[in-house]
Amino acid sequence: MSIPKDPIILLSYVNTQLRDNYVSLDELCAALGADKSELTEKLAGVNYIYDEKLNKFV
């Protein structure tokens, strides 16, 4: 499955994956072949940033 393009759907998808399958954003990006900076920039565009302690975008 490819990563969703829509930022809001992407947010839901990434946070669910982080909660259920990955201990960090780095691990998620490596496993999915995603570019971390592109992903964080896209979610920053809808006012979400990654919180390492919570392991999710808030």
PDB file of N, CA and C in Angstrom:
ATOM      1  N   MET A   1       0.844  -1.195   0.000  1.00  0.00           N
ATOM      2  CA  MET A   1       0.000   0.000   0.000  1.00  0.00           C
ATOM      3  C   MET A   1       0.880   1.245   0.000  1.00  0.00           C
ATOM      4  N   SER A   2       0.498   2.215  -0.800  1.00  0.00           N
ATOM      5  CA  SER A   2       1.250   3.463  -0.826  1.00  0.00           C
ATOM      6  C   SER A   2       0.734   4.394   0.276  1.00  0.00           C
ATOM      7  N   ILE A   3       1.550   5.362   0.594  1.00  0.00           N
ATOM      8  CA  ILE A   3       1.195   6.331   1.634  1.00  0.00           C
ATOM      9  C   ILE A   3       0.172   7.311   1.060  1.00  0.00           C
ATOM     10  N   PRO A   4      -0.869   7.633   1.813  1.00  0.00           N
ATOM     11  CA  PRO A   4      -1.890   8.575   1.325  1.00  0.00           C
ATOM     12  C   PRO A   4      -1.294   9.937   0.973  1.00  0.00           C
ATOM     13  N   LYS A   5      -1.856  10.568  -0.018  1.00  0.00           N
ATOM     14  CA  LYS A   5      -1.399  11.896  -0.463  1.00  0.00           C
ATOM     15  C   LYS A   5      -2.093  13.033   0.284  1.00  0.00           C
ATOM     16  N   ASP A   6      -3.367  12.865   0.584  1.00  0.00           N
ATOM     17  CA  ASP A   6      -4.121  13.900   1.297  1.00  0.00           C
ATOM     18  C   ASP A   6      -3.549  14.050   2.706  1.00  0.00           C
ATOM     19  N   PRO A   7      -3.211  15.277   3.135  1.00  0.00           N
ATOM     20  CA  PRO A   7      -2.550  15.475   4.426  1.00  0.00           C
ATOM     21  C   PRO A   7      -3.356  14.988   5.638  1.00  0.00           C
ATOM     22  N   ILE A   8      -4.666  15.135   5.622  1.00  0.00           N
ATOM     23  CA  ILE A   8      -5.466  14.713   6.769  1.00  0.00           C
ATOM     24  C   ILE A   8      -5.557  13.183   6.837  1.00  0.00           C
ATOM     25  N   ILE A   9      -5.721  12.555   5.694  1.00  0.00           N
ATOM     26  CA  ILE A   9      -5.728  11.091   5.664  1.00  0.00           C
ATOM     27  C   ILE A   9      -4.337  10.570   6.007  1.00  0.00           C
ATOM     28  N   LEU A  10      -3.309  11.257   5.525  1.00  0.00           N
ATOM     29  CA  LEU A  10      -1.929  10.898   5.852  1.00  0.00           C
ATOM     30  C   LEU A  10      -1.707  10.959   7.354  1.00  0.00           C
ATOM     31  N   LEU A  11      -2.189  12.000   7.991  1.00  0.00           N
ATOM     32  CA  LEU A  11      -2.057  12.147   9.442  1.00  0.00           C
ATOM     33  C   LEU A  11      -2.657  10.948  10.170  1.00  0.00           C
ATOM     34  N   SER A  12      -3.852  10.587   9.819  1.00  0.00           N
ATOM     35  CA  SER A  12      -4.519   9.456  10.443  1.00  0.00           C
ATOM     36  C   SER A  12      -3.745   8.159  10.194  1.00  0.00           C
ATOM     37  N   TYR A  13      -3.332   7.954   8.964  1.00  0.00           N
ATOM     38  CA  TYR A  13      -2.594   6.749   8.593  1.00  0.00           C
ATOM     39  C   TYR A  13      -1.279   6.650   9.366  1.00  0.00           C
ATOM     40  N   VAL A  14      -0.499   7.727   9.361  1.00  0.00           N
ATOM     41  CA  VAL A  14       0.813   7.712  10.009  1.00  0.00           C
ATOM     42  C   VAL A  14       0.669   7.519  11.515  1.00  0.00           C
ATOM     43  N   ASN A  15      -0.240   8.241  12.147  1.00  0.00           N
ATOM     44  CA  ASN A  15      -0.408   8.079  13.594  1.00  0.00           C
ATOM     45  C   ASN A  15      -0.873   6.669  13.958  1.00  0.00           C
ATOM     46  N   THR A  16      -1.724   6.085  13.144  1.00  0.00           N
ATOM     47  CA  THR A  16      -2.153   4.706  13.394  1.00  0.00           C
ATOM     48  C   THR A  16      -0.979   3.747  13.241  1.00  0.00           C
ATOM     49  N   GLN A  17      -0.187   3.935  12.200  1.00  0.00           N
ATOM     50  CA  GLN A  17       0.980   3.079  11.998  1.00  0.00           C
ATOM     51  C   GLN A  17       1.978   3.230  13.146  1.00  0.00           C
ATOM     52  N   LEU A  18       2.205   4.456  13.584  1.00  0.00           N
ATOM     53  CA  LEU A  18       3.119   4.690  14.700  1.00  0.00           C
ATOM     54  C   LEU A  18       2.599   4.026  15.978  1.00  0.00           C
ATOM     55  N   ARG A  19       1.331   4.141  16.211  1.00  0.00           N
ATOM     56  CA  ARG A  19       0.736   3.540  17.410  1.00  0.00           C
ATOM     57  C   ARG A  19       0.814   2.012  17.380  1.00  0.00           C
ATOM     58  N   ASP A  20       0.502   1.441  16.235  1.00  0.00           N
ATOM     59  CA  ASP A  20       0.341  -0.013  16.158  1.00  0.00           C
ATOM     60  C   ASP A  20       1.592  -0.791  15.753  1.00  0.00           C
ATOM     61  N   ASN A  21       2.505  -0.156  15.004  1.00  0.00           N
ATOM     62  CA  ASN A  21       3.568  -0.950  14.392  1.00  0.00           C
ATOM     63  C   ASN A  21       5.002  -0.444  14.548  1.00  0.00           C
ATOM     64  N   TYR A  22       5.197   0.822  14.851  1.00  0.00           N
ATOM     65  CA  TYR A  22       6.544   1.380  14.836  1.00  0.00           C
ATOM     66  C   TYR A  22       6.847   2.163  16.111  1.00  0.00           C
ATOM     67  N   VAL A  23       8.089   2.051  16.566  1.00  0.00           N
ATOM     68  CA  VAL A  23       8.482   2.738  17.798  1.00  0.00           C
ATOM     69  C   VAL A  23       8.990   4.157  17.543  1.00  0.00           C
ATOM     70  N   SER A  24       9.180   4.510  16.265  1.00  0.00           N
ATOM     71  CA  SER A  24       9.651   5.860  15.948  1.00  0.00           C
ATOM     72  C   SER A  24       9.281   6.220  14.515  1.00  0.00           C
ATOM     73  N   LEU A  25       9.329   7.496  14.238  1.00  0.00           N
ATOM     74  CA  LEU A  25       9.079   7.981  12.885  1.00  0.00           C
ATOM     75  C   LEU A  25      10.177   7.503  11.942  1.00  0.00           C
ATOM     76  N   ASP A  26      11.404   7.445  12.420  1.00  0.00           N
ATOM     77  CA  ASP A  26      12.506   6.951  11.587  1.00  0.00           C
ATOM     78  C   ASP A  26      12.260   5.511  11.155  1.00  0.00           C
ATOM     79  N   GLU A  27      11.804   4.679  12.083  1.00  0.00           N
ATOM     80  CA  GLU A  27      11.528   3.277  11.767  1.00  0.00           C
ATOM     81  C   GLU A  27      10.395   3.161  10.746  1.00  0.00           C
ATOM     82  N   LEU A  28       9.343   3.950  10.933  1.00  0.00           N
ATOM     83  CA  LEU A  28       8.228   3.939   9.991  1.00  0.00           C
ATOM     84  C   LEU A  28       8.700   4.329   8.595  1.00  0.00           C
ATOM     85  N   CYS A  29       9.458   5.406   8.494  1.00  0.00           N
ATOM     86  CA  CYS A  29       9.923   5.883   7.190  1.00  0.00           C
ATOM     87  C   CYS A  29      10.829   4.853   6.519  1.00  0.00           C
ATOM     88  N   ALA A  30      11.704   4.220   7.286  1.00  0.00           N
ATOM     89  CA  ALA A  30      12.585   3.200   6.723  1.00  0.00           C
ATOM     90  C   ALA A  30      11.782   2.012   6.203  1.00  0.00           C
ATOM     91  N   ALA A  31      10.807   1.580   6.975  1.00  0.00           N
ATOM     92  CA  ALA A  31      10.006   0.413   6.592  1.00  0.00           C
ATOM     93  C   ALA A  31       9.135   0.691   5.369  1.00  0.00           C
ATOM     94  N   LEU A  32       8.619   1.905   5.259  1.00  0.00           N
ATOM     95  CA  LEU A  32       7.710   2.236   4.165  1.00  0.00           C
ATOM     96  C   LEU A  32       8.414   2.893   2.983  1.00  0.00           C
ATOM     97  N   GLY A  33       9.709   3.165   3.129  1.00  0.00           N
ATOM     98  CA  GLY A  33      10.434   3.838   2.059  1.00  0.00           C
ATOM     99  C   GLY A  33       9.989   5.271   1.864  1.00  0.00           C
ATOM    100  N   ALA A  34       9.567   5.897   2.952  1.00  0.00           N
ATOM    101  CA  ALA A  34       9.070   7.274   2.897  1.00  0.00           C
ATOM    102  C   ALA A  34      10.194   8.255   3.226  1.00  0.00           C
ATOM    103  N   ASP A  35      10.130   9.427   2.639  1.00  0.00           N
ATOM    104  CA  ASP A  35      11.085  10.487   2.930  1.00  0.00           C
ATOM    105  C   ASP A  35      10.584  11.242   4.168  1.00  0.00           C
ATOM    106  N   LYS A  36      11.364  11.176   5.229  1.00  0.00           N
ATOM    107  CA  LYS A  36      10.949  11.775   6.505  1.00  0.00           C
ATOM    108  C   LYS A  36      10.703  13.277   6.379  1.00  0.00           C
ATOM    109  N   SER A  37      11.573  13.981   5.690  1.00  0.00           N
ATOM    110  CA  SER A  37      11.408  15.432   5.600  1.00  0.00           C
ATOM    111  C   SER A  37      10.161  15.798   4.784  1.00  0.00           C
ATOM    112  N   GLU A  38       9.882  15.067   3.722  1.00  0.00           N
ATOM    113  CA  GLU A  38       8.671  15.329   2.942  1.00  0.00           C
ATOM    114  C   GLU A  38       7.423  15.078   3.776  1.00  0.00           C
ATOM    115  N   LEU A  39       7.441  13.981   4.513  1.00  0.00           N
ATOM    116  CA  LEU A  39       6.299  13.621   5.345  1.00  0.00           C
ATOM    117  C   LEU A  39       6.060  14.674   6.433  1.00  0.00           C
ATOM    118  N   THR A  40       7.115  15.072   7.134  1.00  0.00           N
ATOM    119  CA  THR A  40       6.957  16.059   8.208  1.00  0.00           C
ATOM    120  C   THR A  40       6.551  17.427   7.653  1.00  0.00           C
ATOM    121  N   GLU A  41       7.075  17.789   6.475  1.00  0.00           N
ATOM    122  CA  GLU A  41       6.690  19.064   5.859  1.00  0.00           C
ATOM    123  C   GLU A  41       5.216  19.062   5.452  1.00  0.00           C
ATOM    124  N   LYS A  42       4.768  17.957   4.890  1.00  0.00           N
ATOM    125  CA  LYS A  42       3.374  17.864   4.468  1.00  0.00           C
ATOM    126  C   LYS A  42       2.442  17.989   5.677  1.00  0.00           C
ATOM    127  N   LEU A  43       2.788  17.328   6.774  1.00  0.00           N
ATOM    128  CA  LEU A  43       1.941  17.403   7.968  1.00  0.00           C
ATOM    129  C   LEU A  43       2.092  18.745   8.686  1.00  0.00           C
ATOM    130  N   ALA A  44       3.251  19.358   8.589  1.00  0.00           N
ATOM    131  CA  ALA A  44       3.422  20.704   9.151  1.00  0.00           C
ATOM    132  C   ALA A  44       2.530  21.696   8.412  1.00  0.00           C
ATOM    133  N   GLY A  45       2.260  21.409   7.141  1.00  0.00           N
ATOM    134  CA  GLY A  45       1.388  22.265   6.345  1.00  0.00           C
ATOM    135  C   GLY A  45      -0.042  22.302   6.852  1.00  0.00           C
ATOM    136  N   VAL A  46      -0.431  21.297   7.631  1.00  0.00           N
ATOM    137  CA  VAL A  46      -1.764  21.287   8.255  1.00  0.00           C
ATOM    138  C   VAL A  46      -1.625  21.395   9.781  1.00  0.00           C
ATOM    139  N   ASN A  47      -0.509  22.009  10.200  1.00  0.00           N
ATOM    140  CA  ASN A  47      -0.248  22.362  11.604  1.00  0.00           C
ATOM    141  C   ASN A  47      -0.067  21.172  12.551  1.00  0.00           C
ATOM    142  N   TYR A  48       0.599  20.119  12.074  1.00  0.00           N
ATOM    143  CA  TYR A  48       0.930  18.978  12.933  1.00  0.00           C
ATOM    144  C   TYR A  48       2.428  18.769  12.916  1.00  0.00           C
ATOM    145  N   ILE A  49       2.990  18.544  14.111  1.00  0.00           N
ATOM    146  CA  ILE A  49       4.415  18.263  14.233  1.00  0.00           C
ATOM    147  C   ILE A  49       4.584  16.944  14.978  1.00  0.00           C
ATOM    148  N   TYR A  50       5.708  16.290  14.712  1.00  0.00           N
ATOM    149  CA  TYR A  50       5.982  15.005  15.346  1.00  0.00           C
ATOM    150  C   TYR A  50       6.488  15.216  16.761  1.00  0.00           C
ATOM    151  N   ASP A  51       5.889  14.516  17.716  1.00  0.00           N
ATOM    152  CA  ASP A  51       6.308  14.536  19.107  1.00  0.00           C
ATOM    153  C   ASP A  51       6.966  13.193  19.410  1.00  0.00           C
ATOM    154  N   GLU A  52       8.295  13.215  19.595  1.00  0.00           N
ATOM    155  CA  GLU A  52       9.047  11.976  19.833  1.00  0.00           C
ATOM    156  C   GLU A  52       8.574  11.246  21.088  1.00  0.00           C
ATOM    157  N   LYS A  53       8.327  11.978  22.139  1.00  0.00           N
ATOM    158  CA  LYS A  53       7.891  11.347  23.401  1.00  0.00           C
ATOM    159  C   LYS A  53       6.581  10.595  23.233  1.00  0.00           C
ATOM    160  N   LEU A  54       5.653  11.189  22.514  1.00  0.00           N
ATOM    161  CA  LEU A  54       4.339  10.561  22.311  1.00  0.00           C
ATOM    162  C   LEU A  54       4.341   9.621  21.113  1.00  0.00           C
ATOM    163  N   ASN A  55       5.371   9.720  20.267  1.00  0.00           N
ATOM    164  CA  ASN A  55       5.466   8.948  19.031  1.00  0.00           C
ATOM    165  C   ASN A  55       4.234   9.119  18.162  1.00  0.00           C
ATOM    166  N   LYS A  56       3.866  10.382  17.967  1.00  0.00           N
ATOM    167  CA  LYS A  56       2.752  10.698  17.072  1.00  0.00           C
ATOM    168  C   LYS A  56       2.811  12.159  16.671  1.00  0.00           C
ATOM    169  N   PHE A  57       2.054  12.490  15.646  1.00  0.00           N
ATOM    170  CA  PHE A  57       1.934  13.881  15.232  1.00  0.00           C
ATOM    171  C   PHE A  57       0.810  14.525  16.023  1.00  0.00           C
ATOM    172  N   VAL A  58       1.107  15.692  16.587  1.00  0.00           N
ATOM    173  CA  VAL A  58       0.124  16.410  17.408  1.00  0.00           C
ATOM    174  C   VAL A  58      -0.032  17.833  16.910  1.00  0.00           C
TER     175      VAL A  58
END
